[in-house]
Amino acid sequence: MDIAVTNIRASRANVYSSSPLDRIHTRRDDHAWIAEKLEHPETLFVPVWRSRNLVRGGDRPEAVYIDGETAAALRASGGNWAFLGLLDDKPVFGIDISHHEDPTPVVPADLGTFADLRSVGWGEPKPEASILAHARGLLHWRTRHQFCGVCGGKCESRSSGHVMHCTSCNTDHFPRTDPAVIMLVHRGDKALLGHSTRFPRATMYSTLAGFVEPGETLEEAVRREVLEETAVVCGDVHYHSSQPWPFPGNVMLGFYAEGLTEEITWDPEELKDARWFTRDQMRHCDQHGFALPRADSIARRLIEDWLAAG
């Protein structure tokens, strides 16, 4: 067992974590308070258009909020909304404007650009990134749960957007977050990285990951996923950190896993390639013809903290 790995702690917060919001759930069913805040001119709204968030700036991106007066027209046009919490005592709501073919007439282009959060180069954790992710994830769930999974009846929003209530069988449906494990498998001075069939860049290699199955511990999920994808057997598993990942509604649970075997046989349905890389290769990946995962991902944080420990 690599003793150094057992002592690795997250060097800093992951992007989309460290939310500054007070979620103040006790206000979600206070209808009078919510109605008042929806109309208040100083209330902040986070618009989401077809899973994209409003941002401005290139090298130093910033979240863009709209005020209550501007948002009134959006709510009047039928956009779904949800109460997110308080930011410095100001109420914050997410509002979905996806029913507009073009968001420009309702949200002027000079305010910012609607962009997929994965294309925004946050570079480092910013509290506002977590607010945008929060809005994106919650409103995506709202959109995908218009009908009851029990009886098929029509659902209506309750608890300020945090419950979808079936009007036929009275079942309450709550926001869903799917847990996924993501792990850096290490063996001595080498770590296991794979190139997924889903990666947008042909040269990118990243940590392995997969969903937790029913009746499974997180550690068991780590070992199973690594074995299924690469045939590598893992021993000790140690937690590193977690990251909300609203693409569309996951929480990534990061681990280090001790590799007990080295021979790789990858699953072609999941991976195009998988290899052991030395620390030196990973520190100079461009010289060796491959790229590491994006800077805002927990995968990159797992790799960077492991490199720093060596």
C-alpha atoms as a PDB file:
ATOM      1  CA  MET A   1       0.000   0.000   0.000  1.00  0.00           C
ATOM      2  CA  ASP A   2       1.245   3.503  -0.886  1.00  0.00           C
ATOM      3  CA  ILE A   3       1.297   5.190   2.536  1.00  0.00           C
ATOM      4  CA  ALA A   4       1.585   8.662   0.955  1.00  0.00           C
ATOM      5  CA  VAL A   5      -1.687   8.216  -0.904  1.00  0.00           C
ATOM      6  CA  THR A   6      -3.603   7.452   2.281  1.00  0.00           C
ATOM      7  CA  ASN A   7      -2.640  10.906   3.573  1.00  0.00           C
ATOM      8  CA  ILE A   8      -3.632  12.917   0.493  1.00  0.00           C
ATOM      9  CA  ARG A   9      -6.269  15.537   1.238  1.00  0.00           C
ATOM     10  CA  ALA A  10      -7.994  17.824  -1.219  1.00  0.00           C
ATOM     11  CA  SER A  11      -5.681  20.759  -1.851  1.00  0.00           C
ATOM     12  CA  ARG A  12      -8.576  23.131  -2.457  1.00  0.00           C
ATOM     13  CA  ALA A  13     -12.302  23.122  -3.105  1.00  0.00           C
ATOM     14  CA  ASN A  14     -13.604  21.668  -6.347  1.00  0.00           C
ATOM     15  CA  VAL A  15     -15.341  23.840  -8.931  1.00  0.00           C
ATOM     16  CA  TYR A  16     -19.148  23.951  -8.393  1.00  0.00           C
ATOM     17  CA  SER A  17     -18.692  23.338  -4.656  1.00  0.00           C
ATOM     18  CA  SER A  18     -18.546  25.808  -1.730  1.00  0.00           C
ATOM     19  CA  SER A  19     -21.912  27.373  -2.432  1.00  0.00           C
ATOM     20  CA  PRO A  20     -22.427  30.750  -0.708  1.00  0.00           C
ATOM     21  CA  LEU A  21     -26.192  30.259  -0.591  1.00  0.00           C
ATOM     22  CA  ASP A  22     -28.222  29.764   2.542  1.00  0.00           C
ATOM     23  CA  ARG A  23     -30.764  27.295   1.184  1.00  0.00           C
ATOM     24  CA  ILE A  24     -33.169  28.252   4.003  1.00  0.00           C
ATOM     25  CA  HIS A  25     -35.512  25.370   3.252  1.00  0.00           C
ATOM     26  CA  THR A  26     -37.974  26.585   5.909  1.00  0.00           C
ATOM     27  CA  ARG A  27     -39.067  29.352   3.529  1.00  0.00           C
ATOM     28  CA  ARG A  28     -39.873  27.066   0.580  1.00  0.00           C
ATOM     29  CA  ASP A  29     -43.454  26.508   1.779  1.00  0.00           C
ATOM     30  CA  ASP A  30     -43.963  30.054   3.050  1.00  0.00           C
ATOM     31  CA  HIS A  31     -46.155  31.081   0.125  1.00  0.00           C
ATOM     32  CA  ALA A  32     -46.598  34.694   1.188  1.00  0.00           C
ATOM     33  CA  TRP A  33     -42.849  35.207   1.648  1.00  0.00           C
ATOM     34  CA  ILE A  34     -42.019  33.559  -1.685  1.00  0.00           C
ATOM     35  CA  ALA A  35     -44.682  35.614  -3.503  1.00  0.00           C
ATOM     36  CA  GLU A  36     -43.298  38.821  -2.009  1.00  0.00           C
ATOM     37  CA  LYS A  37     -39.700  37.983  -2.935  1.00  0.00           C
ATOM     38  CA  LEU A  38     -40.625  36.994  -6.479  1.00  0.00           C
ATOM     39  CA  GLU A  39     -41.889  40.546  -7.004  1.00  0.00           C
ATOM     40  CA  HIS A  40     -39.117  42.361  -5.149  1.00  0.00           C
ATOM     41  CA  PRO A  41     -36.895  44.446  -7.465  1.00  0.00           C
ATOM     42  CA  GLU A  42     -33.704  43.475  -5.589  1.00  0.00           C
ATOM     43  CA  THR A  43     -34.328  39.752  -5.866  1.00  0.00           C
ATOM     44  CA  LEU A  44     -31.777  37.961  -8.048  1.00  0.00           C
ATOM     45  CA  PHE A  45     -32.705  35.520 -10.795  1.00  0.00           C
ATOM     46  CA  VAL A  46     -30.433  32.977 -12.463  1.00  0.00           C
ATOM     47  CA  PRO A  47     -31.729  32.383 -16.001  1.00  0.00           C
ATOM     48  CA  VAL A  48     -31.214  29.004 -17.666  1.00  0.00           C
ATOM     49  CA  TRP A  49     -31.826  28.547 -21.373  1.00  0.00           C
ATOM     50  CA  ARG A  50     -31.726  24.977 -22.680  1.00  0.00           C
ATOM     51  CA  SER A  51     -29.260  23.885 -19.996  1.00  0.00           C
ATOM     52  CA  ARG A  52     -27.051  26.909 -20.600  1.00  0.00           C
ATOM     53  CA  ASN A  53     -26.261  29.610 -18.056  1.00  0.00           C
ATOM     54  CA  LEU A  54     -25.806  33.337 -18.498  1.00  0.00           C
ATOM     55  CA  VAL A  55     -22.148  34.391 -18.132  1.00  0.00           C
ATOM     56  CA  ARG A  56     -19.885  37.179 -19.288  1.00  0.00           C
ATOM     57  CA  GLY A  57     -16.154  37.621 -19.644  1.00  0.00           C
ATOM     58  CA  GLY A  58     -13.630  35.391 -21.350  1.00  0.00           C
ATOM     59  CA  ASP A  59     -10.467  34.811 -19.324  1.00  0.00           C
ATOM     60  CA  ARG A  60     -12.225  35.760 -16.069  1.00  0.00           C
ATOM     61  CA  PRO A  61     -15.815  34.535 -16.451  1.00  0.00           C
ATOM     62  CA  GLU A  62     -18.543  35.897 -14.199  1.00  0.00           C
ATOM     63  CA  ALA A  63     -22.068  34.756 -13.482  1.00  0.00           C
ATOM     64  CA  VAL A  64     -24.814  37.117 -14.591  1.00  0.00           C
ATOM     65  CA  TYR A  65     -27.931  37.592 -12.478  1.00  0.00           C
ATOM     66  CA  ILE A  66     -31.006  39.509 -13.575  1.00  0.00           C
ATOM     67  CA  ASP A  67     -33.121  41.647 -11.285  1.00  0.00           C
ATOM     68  CA  GLY A  68     -36.695  41.128 -10.237  1.00  0.00           C
ATOM     69  CA  GLU A  69     -38.071  43.723 -12.643  1.00  0.00           C
ATOM     70  CA  THR A  70     -36.468  42.084 -15.678  1.00  0.00           C
ATOM     71  CA  ALA A  71     -37.469  38.640 -14.463  1.00  0.00           C
ATOM     72  CA  ALA A  72     -41.136  39.617 -14.115  1.00  0.00           C
ATOM     73  CA  ALA A  73     -41.606  39.444 -17.881  1.00  0.00           C
ATOM     74  CA  LEU A  74     -39.902  36.070 -18.005  1.00  0.00           C
ATOM     75  CA  ARG A  75     -42.182  34.652 -15.328  1.00  0.00           C
ATOM     76  CA  ALA A  76     -45.193  36.110 -17.090  1.00  0.00           C
ATOM     77  CA  SER A  77     -44.219  34.253 -20.259  1.00  0.00           C
ATOM     78  CA  GLY A  78     -44.488  30.933 -18.447  1.00  0.00           C
ATOM     79  CA  GLY A  79     -40.940  30.094 -17.393  1.00  0.00           C
ATOM     80  CA  ASN A  80     -40.531  27.526 -14.625  1.00  0.00           C
ATOM     81  CA  TRP A  81     -38.790  28.861 -11.542  1.00  0.00           C
ATOM     82  CA  ALA A  82     -37.353  27.500  -8.301  1.00  0.00           C
ATOM     83  CA  PHE A  83     -36.155  29.142  -5.096  1.00  0.00           C
ATOM     84  CA  LEU A  84     -32.428  28.502  -4.581  1.00  0.00           C
ATOM     85  CA  GLY A  85     -31.691  30.354  -1.343  1.00  0.00           C
ATOM     86  CA  LEU A  86     -30.301  33.591   0.041  1.00  0.00           C
ATOM     87  CA  LEU A  87     -27.134  35.314  -1.162  1.00  0.00           C
ATOM     88  CA  ASP A  88     -26.097  38.024   1.293  1.00  0.00           C
ATOM     89  CA  ASP A  89     -29.756  38.173   2.434  1.00  0.00           C
ATOM     90  CA  LYS A  90     -31.003  38.584  -1.145  1.00  0.00           C
ATOM     91  CA  PRO A  91     -33.346  35.852  -2.416  1.00  0.00           C
ATOM     92  CA  VAL A  92     -32.065  33.950  -5.442  1.00  0.00           C
ATOM     93  CA  PHE A  93     -34.333  32.094  -7.854  1.00  0.00           C
ATOM     94  CA  GLY A  94     -33.509  29.995 -10.867  1.00  0.00           C
ATOM     95  CA  ILE A  95     -35.741  30.568 -13.886  1.00  0.00           C
ATOM     96  CA  ASP A  96     -35.997  28.422 -17.003  1.00  0.00           C
ATOM     97  CA  ILE A  97     -36.552  30.310 -20.260  1.00  0.00           C
ATOM     98  CA  SER A  98     -36.023  27.324 -22.549  1.00  0.00           C
ATOM     99  CA  HIS A  99     -39.443  27.738 -24.138  1.00  0.00           C
ATOM    100  CA  HIS A 100     -38.097  30.786 -25.984  1.00  0.00           C
ATOM    101  CA  GLU A 101     -36.544  29.850 -29.329  1.00  0.00           C
ATOM    102  CA  ASP A 102     -34.110  32.721 -28.943  1.00  0.00           C
ATOM    103  CA  PRO A 103     -33.249  34.140 -25.508  1.00  0.00           C
ATOM    104  CA  THR A 104     -31.948  37.452 -26.866  1.00  0.00           C
ATOM    105  CA  PRO A 105     -35.289  39.305 -26.992  1.00  0.00           C
ATOM    106  CA  VAL A 106     -36.010  38.504 -23.338  1.00  0.00           C
ATOM    107  CA  VAL A 107     -32.439  38.672 -21.998  1.00  0.00           C
ATOM    108  CA  PRO A 108     -30.478  41.314 -23.960  1.00  0.00           C
ATOM    109  CA  ALA A 109     -27.195  40.115 -25.431  1.00  0.00           C
ATOM    110  CA  ASP A 110     -25.255  42.931 -23.780  1.00  0.00           C
ATOM    111  CA  LEU A 111     -25.854  41.267 -20.398  1.00  0.00           C
ATOM    112  CA  GLY A 112     -23.838  38.195 -21.361  1.00  0.00           C
ATOM    113  CA  THR A 113     -23.907  34.929 -23.282  1.00  0.00           C
ATOM    114  CA  PHE A 114     -25.738  31.697 -22.577  1.00  0.00           C
ATOM    115  CA  ALA A 115     -23.059  29.022 -22.394  1.00  0.00           C
ATOM    116  CA  ASP A 116     -22.697  25.408 -21.341  1.00  0.00           C
ATOM    117  CA  LEU A 117     -20.912  25.506 -17.989  1.00  0.00           C
ATOM    118  CA  ARG A 118     -18.501  22.855 -19.247  1.00  0.00           C
ATOM    119  CA  SER A 119     -17.233  25.328 -21.831  1.00  0.00           C
ATOM    120  CA  VAL A 120     -16.601  28.040 -19.246  1.00  0.00           C
ATOM    121  CA  GLY A 121     -12.984  28.151 -18.131  1.00  0.00           C
ATOM    122  CA  TRP A 122     -13.488  28.800 -14.425  1.00  0.00           C
ATOM    123  CA  GLY A 123      -9.900  27.747 -13.798  1.00  0.00           C
ATOM    124  CA  GLU A 124     -10.379  27.874 -10.040  1.00  0.00           C
ATOM    125  CA  PRO A 125     -13.327  27.444  -7.689  1.00  0.00           C
ATOM    126  CA  LYS A 126     -15.672  30.431  -7.651  1.00  0.00           C
ATOM    127  CA  PRO A 127     -18.733  30.487  -5.397  1.00  0.00           C
ATOM    128  CA  GLU A 128     -20.902  31.850  -8.205  1.00  0.00           C
ATOM    129  CA  ALA A 129     -20.139  28.778 -10.325  1.00  0.00           C
ATOM    130  CA  SER A 130     -21.904  26.641  -7.730  1.00  0.00           C
ATOM    131  CA  ILE A 131     -24.998  28.860  -7.936  1.00  0.00           C
ATOM    132  CA  LEU A 132     -25.179  28.442 -11.704  1.00  0.00           C
ATOM    133  CA  ALA A 133     -24.708  24.692 -11.356  1.00  0.00           C
ATOM    134  CA  HIS A 134     -27.415  24.580  -8.674  1.00  0.00           C
ATOM    135  CA  ALA A 135     -29.898  26.363 -10.945  1.00  0.00           C
ATOM    136  CA  ARG A 136     -29.020  24.226 -13.951  1.00  0.00           C
ATOM    137  CA  GLY A 137     -29.406  20.950 -12.091  1.00  0.00           C
ATOM    138  CA  LEU A 138     -32.642  21.793 -10.288  1.00  0.00           C
ATOM    139  CA  LEU A 139     -34.373  23.222 -13.349  1.00  0.00           C
ATOM    140  CA  HIS A 140     -33.285  20.273 -15.476  1.00  0.00           C
ATOM    141  CA  TRP A 141     -34.951  17.973 -12.944  1.00  0.00           C
ATOM    142  CA  ARG A 142     -38.105  20.115 -13.053  1.00  0.00           C
ATOM    143  CA  THR A 143     -38.243  19.833 -16.829  1.00  0.00           C
ATOM    144  CA  ARG A 144     -37.777  16.045 -16.797  1.00  0.00           C
ATOM    145  CA  HIS A 145     -40.427  15.338 -14.164  1.00  0.00           C
ATOM    146  CA  GLN A 146     -43.575  16.800 -15.632  1.00  0.00           C
ATOM    147  CA  PHE A 147     -45.353  13.446 -15.293  1.00  0.00           C
ATOM    148  CA  CYS A 148     -45.584  10.955 -12.448  1.00  0.00           C
ATOM    149  CA  GLY A 149     -43.354   7.893 -12.612  1.00  0.00           C
ATOM    150  CA  VAL A 150     -45.926   5.921 -10.593  1.00  0.00           C
ATOM    151  CA  CYS A 151     -49.184   6.493 -12.476  1.00  0.00           C
ATOM    152  CA  GLY A 152     -48.286   8.758 -15.394  1.00  0.00           C
ATOM    153  CA  GLY A 153     -50.413  11.618 -14.100  1.00  0.00           C
ATOM    154  CA  LYS A 154     -49.584  15.281 -14.547  1.00  0.00           C
ATOM    155  CA  CYS A 155     -47.282  16.775 -11.904  1.00  0.00           C
ATOM    156  CA  GLU A 156     -47.336  20.294 -10.530  1.00  0.00           C
ATOM    157  CA  SER A 157     -44.624  22.188  -8.725  1.00  0.00           C
ATOM    158  CA  ARG A 158     -44.703  22.455  -4.942  1.00  0.00           C
ATOM    159  CA  SER A 159     -42.343  23.717  -2.233  1.00  0.00           C
ATOM    160  CA  SER A 160     -40.991  26.519  -4.441  1.00  0.00           C
ATOM    161  CA  GLY A 161     -39.800  24.139  -7.135  1.00  0.00           C
ATOM    162  CA  HIS A 162     -38.360  21.420  -4.882  1.00  0.00           C
ATOM    163  CA  VAL A 163     -41.244  18.960  -5.139  1.00  0.00           C
ATOM    164  CA  MET A 164     -43.204  17.717  -8.150  1.00  0.00           C
ATOM    165  CA  HIS A 165     -46.610  16.611  -6.873  1.00  0.00           C
ATOM    166  CA  CYS A 166     -48.729  14.170  -8.861  1.00  0.00           C
ATOM    167  CA  THR A 167     -52.249  15.542  -9.255  1.00  0.00           C
ATOM    168  CA  SER A 168     -53.627  12.014  -9.815  1.00  0.00           C
ATOM    169  CA  CYS A 169     -52.132   9.726  -7.172  1.00  0.00           C
ATOM    170  CA  ASN A 170     -50.701  12.434  -4.847  1.00  0.00           C
ATOM    171  CA  THR A 171     -47.171  11.045  -4.963  1.00  0.00           C
ATOM    172  CA  ASP A 172     -44.480  13.597  -4.209  1.00  0.00           C
ATOM    173  CA  HIS A 173     -41.313  13.440  -6.308  1.00  0.00           C
ATOM    174  CA  PHE A 174     -38.129  15.057  -5.030  1.00  0.00           C
ATOM    175  CA  PRO A 175     -35.026  16.278  -6.864  1.00  0.00           C
ATOM    176  CA  ARG A 176     -32.773  13.422  -7.805  1.00  0.00           C
ATOM    177  CA  THR A 177     -29.000  13.378  -7.609  1.00  0.00           C
ATOM    178  CA  ASP A 178     -27.261  10.256  -8.894  1.00  0.00           C
ATOM    179  CA  PRO A 179     -24.035   9.290  -7.080  1.00  0.00           C
ATOM    180  CA  ALA A 180     -21.063   8.417  -9.252  1.00  0.00           C
ATOM    181  CA  VAL A 181     -17.621   7.300  -8.105  1.00  0.00           C
ATOM    182  CA  ILE A 182     -14.524   8.632  -9.816  1.00  0.00           C
ATOM    183  CA  MET A 183     -11.144   7.185  -8.933  1.00  0.00           C
ATOM    184  CA  LEU A 184      -7.449   7.477  -9.591  1.00  0.00           C
ATOM    185  CA  VAL A 185      -6.019   3.968  -9.485  1.00  0.00           C
ATOM    186  CA  HIS A 186      -2.364   4.044  -8.433  1.00  0.00           C
ATOM    187  CA  ARG A 187       0.379   1.442  -8.219  1.00  0.00           C
ATOM    188  CA  GLY A 188       3.765   2.660  -7.072  1.00  0.00           C
ATOM    189  CA  ASP A 189       4.785   5.614  -9.236  1.00  0.00           C
ATOM    190  CA  LYS A 190       2.144   4.901 -11.888  1.00  0.00           C
ATOM    191  CA  ALA A 191      -1.531   5.744 -12.230  1.00  0.00           C
ATOM    192  CA  LEU A 192      -4.204   4.251 -14.454  1.00  0.00           C
ATOM    193  CA  LEU A 193      -5.935   6.552 -16.930  1.00  0.00           C
ATOM    194  CA  GLY A 194      -8.381   5.727 -19.691  1.00  0.00           C
ATOM    195  CA  HIS A 195      -9.625   7.306 -22.908  1.00  0.00           C
ATOM    196  CA  SER A 196     -13.414   7.047 -22.970  1.00  0.00           C
ATOM    197  CA  THR A 197     -15.504   6.570 -26.071  1.00  0.00           C
ATOM    198  CA  ARG A 198     -17.406   9.684 -24.941  1.00  0.00           C
ATOM    199  CA  PHE A 199     -14.450  12.062 -24.635  1.00  0.00           C
ATOM    200  CA  PRO A 200     -14.606  15.062 -27.004  1.00  0.00           C
ATOM    201  CA  ARG A 201     -10.804  15.233 -27.349  1.00  0.00           C
ATOM    202  CA  ALA A 202      -8.996  12.336 -29.020  1.00  0.00           C
ATOM    203  CA  THR A 203      -5.891  12.760 -26.867  1.00  0.00           C
ATOM    204  CA  MET A 204      -7.507  13.136 -23.444  1.00  0.00           C
ATOM    205  CA  TYR A 205      -6.912  10.520 -20.761  1.00  0.00           C
ATOM    206  CA  SER A 206      -8.711  10.716 -17.448  1.00  0.00           C
ATOM    207  CA  THR A 207      -9.556   8.828 -14.295  1.00  0.00           C
ATOM    208  CA  LEU A 208     -12.089   6.019 -14.416  1.00  0.00           C
ATOM    209  CA  ALA A 209     -15.645   6.618 -13.221  1.00  0.00           C
ATOM    210  CA  GLY A 210     -19.034   4.986 -12.978  1.00  0.00           C
ATOM    211  CA  PHE A 211     -22.411   5.013 -11.262  1.00  0.00           C
ATOM    212  CA  VAL A 212     -23.111   3.437  -7.889  1.00  0.00           C
ATOM    213  CA  GLU A 213     -25.509   0.509  -8.180  1.00  0.00           C
ATOM    214  CA  PRO A 214     -28.310  -0.398  -5.716  1.00  0.00           C
ATOM    215  CA  GLY A 215     -27.099  -2.227  -2.615  1.00  0.00           C
ATOM    216  CA  GLU A 216     -23.485  -1.207  -3.180  1.00  0.00           C
ATOM    217  CA  THR A 217     -21.057   0.713  -0.980  1.00  0.00           C
ATOM    218  CA  LEU A 218     -18.962   3.432  -2.542  1.00  0.00           C
ATOM    219  CA  GLU A 219     -15.792   1.379  -2.079  1.00  0.00           C
ATOM    220  CA  GLU A 220     -17.418  -1.623  -3.744  1.00  0.00           C
ATOM    221  CA  ALA A 221     -18.496   0.570  -6.644  1.00  0.00           C
ATOM    222  CA  VAL A 222     -14.917   1.783  -7.107  1.00  0.00           C
ATOM    223  CA  ARG A 223     -13.523  -1.741  -7.252  1.00  0.00           C
ATOM    224  CA  ARG A 224     -16.296  -3.043  -9.517  1.00  0.00           C
ATOM    225  CA  GLU A 225     -16.051  -0.225 -12.029  1.00  0.00           C
ATOM    226  CA  VAL A 226     -12.265  -0.514 -12.328  1.00  0.00           C
ATOM    227  CA  LEU A 227     -12.499  -4.267 -12.732  1.00  0.00           C
ATOM    228  CA  GLU A 228     -15.282  -4.042 -15.331  1.00  0.00           C
ATOM    229  CA  GLU A 229     -13.576  -1.361 -17.394  1.00  0.00           C
ATOM    230  CA  THR A 230      -9.942  -2.476 -17.244  1.00  0.00           C
ATOM    231  CA  ALA A 231      -9.736  -5.890 -15.466  1.00  0.00           C
ATOM    232  CA  VAL A 232      -7.426  -4.292 -12.879  1.00  0.00           C
ATOM    233  CA  VAL A 233      -8.044  -5.543  -9.336  1.00  0.00           C
ATOM    234  CA  CYS A 234      -8.103  -2.880  -6.607  1.00  0.00           C
ATOM    235  CA  GLY A 235      -7.417  -3.136  -2.890  1.00  0.00           C
ATOM    236  CA  ASP A 236      -7.586  -0.226  -0.458  1.00  0.00           C
ATOM    237  CA  VAL A 237      -9.863   2.670  -1.399  1.00  0.00           C
ATOM    238  CA  HIS A 238      -9.522   6.116   0.189  1.00  0.00           C
ATOM    239  CA  TYR A 239     -11.882   9.082  -0.095  1.00  0.00           C
ATOM    240  CA  HIS A 240     -10.578  12.391  -1.476  1.00  0.00           C
ATOM    241  CA  SER A 241     -13.457  14.846  -2.062  1.00  0.00           C
ATOM    242  CA  SER A 242     -16.760  15.337  -3.853  1.00  0.00           C
ATOM    243  CA  GLN A 243     -18.063  17.618  -6.575  1.00  0.00           C
ATOM    244  CA  PRO A 244     -21.598  18.545  -7.650  1.00  0.00           C
ATOM    245  CA  TRP A 245     -21.768  17.786 -11.371  1.00  0.00           C
ATOM    246  CA  PRO A 246     -25.018  19.084 -12.877  1.00  0.00           C
ATOM    247  CA  PHE A 247     -24.606  17.383 -16.249  1.00  0.00           C
ATOM    248  CA  PRO A 248     -27.404  16.679 -15.721  1.00  0.00           C
ATOM    249  CA  GLY A 249     -27.716  15.723 -12.024  1.00  0.00           C
ATOM    250  CA  ASN A 250     -24.810  13.914 -10.433  1.00  0.00           C
ATOM    251  CA  VAL A 251     -22.518  14.175  -7.450  1.00  0.00           C
ATOM    252  CA  MET A 252     -19.018  12.898  -8.167  1.00  0.00           C
ATOM    253  CA  LEU A 253     -17.411  11.096  -5.217  1.00  0.00           C
ATOM    254  CA  GLY A 254     -13.645  11.075  -5.643  1.00  0.00           C
ATOM    255  CA  PHE A 255     -11.342   8.299  -4.431  1.00  0.00           C
ATOM    256  CA  TYR A 256      -7.851   6.899  -4.682  1.00  0.00           C
ATOM    257  CA  ALA A 257      -7.704   3.143  -5.230  1.00  0.00           C
ATOM    258  CA  GLU A 258      -4.704   0.878  -4.800  1.00  0.00           C
ATOM    259  CA  GLY A 259      -4.060  -1.226  -7.898  1.00  0.00           C
ATOM    260  CA  LEU A 260      -3.160  -4.807  -7.015  1.00  0.00           C
ATOM    261  CA  THR A 261      -2.635  -5.966 -10.602  1.00  0.00           C
ATOM    262  CA  GLU A 262      -1.206  -4.264 -13.693  1.00  0.00           C
ATOM    263  CA  GLU A 263      -2.440  -6.170 -16.747  1.00  0.00           C
ATOM    264  CA  ILE A 264      -5.150  -4.224 -18.582  1.00  0.00           C
ATOM    265  CA  THR A 265      -8.014  -5.560 -20.660  1.00  0.00           C
ATOM    266  CA  TRP A 266     -10.337  -2.665 -21.352  1.00  0.00           C
ATOM    267  CA  ASP A 267     -14.042  -2.798 -22.084  1.00  0.00           C
ATOM    268  CA  PRO A 268     -14.422  -1.542 -25.690  1.00  0.00           C
ATOM    269  CA  GLU A 269     -17.923  -0.269 -24.981  1.00  0.00           C
ATOM    270  CA  GLU A 270     -16.553   2.069 -22.305  1.00  0.00           C
ATOM    271  CA  LEU A 271     -12.968   2.756 -23.339  1.00  0.00           C
ATOM    272  CA  LYS A 272     -10.894   3.136 -26.469  1.00  0.00           C
ATOM    273  CA  ASP A 273      -7.683   2.769 -24.498  1.00  0.00           C
ATOM    274  CA  ALA A 274      -6.325   2.535 -20.959  1.00  0.00           C
ATOM    275  CA  ARG A 275      -2.724   2.798 -19.796  1.00  0.00           C
ATOM    276  CA  TRP A 276      -0.478   3.165 -16.783  1.00  0.00           C
ATOM    277  CA  PHE A 277       1.265   6.551 -16.765  1.00  0.00           C
ATOM    278  CA  THR A 278       4.223   7.550 -14.618  1.00  0.00           C
ATOM    279  CA  ARG A 279       4.234  10.778 -12.651  1.00  0.00           C
ATOM    280  CA  ASP A 280       6.852  12.184 -15.025  1.00  0.00           C
ATOM    281  CA  GLN A 281       4.681  11.397 -18.054  1.00  0.00           C
ATOM    282  CA  MET A 282       1.672  13.041 -16.450  1.00  0.00           C
ATOM    283  CA  ARG A 283       3.640  16.146 -15.486  1.00  0.00           C
ATOM    284  CA  HIS A 284       4.776  16.489 -19.114  1.00  0.00           C
ATOM    285  CA  CYS A 285       1.730  15.042 -20.845  1.00  0.00           C
ATOM    286  CA  ASP A 286       2.035  17.321 -23.882  1.00  0.00           C
ATOM    287  CA  GLN A 287       5.496  15.934 -24.583  1.00  0.00           C
ATOM    288  CA  HIS A 288       4.083  12.408 -24.487  1.00  0.00           C
ATOM    289  CA  GLY A 289       1.161  13.058 -26.833  1.00  0.00           C
ATOM    290  CA  PHE A 290      -1.803  13.079 -24.466  1.00  0.00           C
ATOM    291  CA  ALA A 291      -3.874  15.583 -22.481  1.00  0.00           C
ATOM    292  CA  LEU A 292      -5.229  15.553 -18.949  1.00  0.00           C
ATOM    293  CA  PRO A 293      -8.904  16.246 -18.090  1.00  0.00           C
ATOM    294  CA  ARG A 294     -10.294  19.757 -17.862  1.00  0.00           C
ATOM    295  CA  ALA A 295      -9.206  22.014 -15.037  1.00  0.00           C
ATOM    296  CA  ASP A 296     -12.672  22.331 -13.454  1.00  0.00           C
ATOM    297  CA  SER A 297     -13.129  18.580 -13.009  1.00  0.00           C
ATOM    298  CA  ILE A 298     -12.590  16.506  -9.903  1.00  0.00           C
ATOM    299  CA  ALA A 299     -10.643  14.112 -12.128  1.00  0.00           C
ATOM    300  CA  ARG A 300      -8.001  16.791 -12.624  1.00  0.00           C
ATOM    301  CA  ARG A 301      -7.939  17.528  -8.890  1.00  0.00           C
ATOM    302  CA  LEU A 302      -7.361  13.840  -8.105  1.00  0.00           C
ATOM    303  CA  ILE A 303      -4.477  13.756 -10.550  1.00  0.00           C
ATOM    304  CA  GLU A 304      -2.877  17.019  -9.405  1.00  0.00           C
ATOM    305  CA  ASP A 305      -3.042  16.130  -5.718  1.00  0.00           C
ATOM    306  CA  TRP A 306      -1.544  12.707  -6.432  1.00  0.00           C
ATOM    307  CA  LEU A 307       1.268  14.302  -8.424  1.00  0.00           C
ATOM    308  CA  ALA A 308       1.951  16.770  -5.606  1.00  0.00           C
ATOM    309  CA  ALA A 309       2.182  13.909  -3.097  1.00  0.00           C
ATOM    310  CA  GLY A 310       4.974  12.275  -5.110  1.00  0.00           C
END
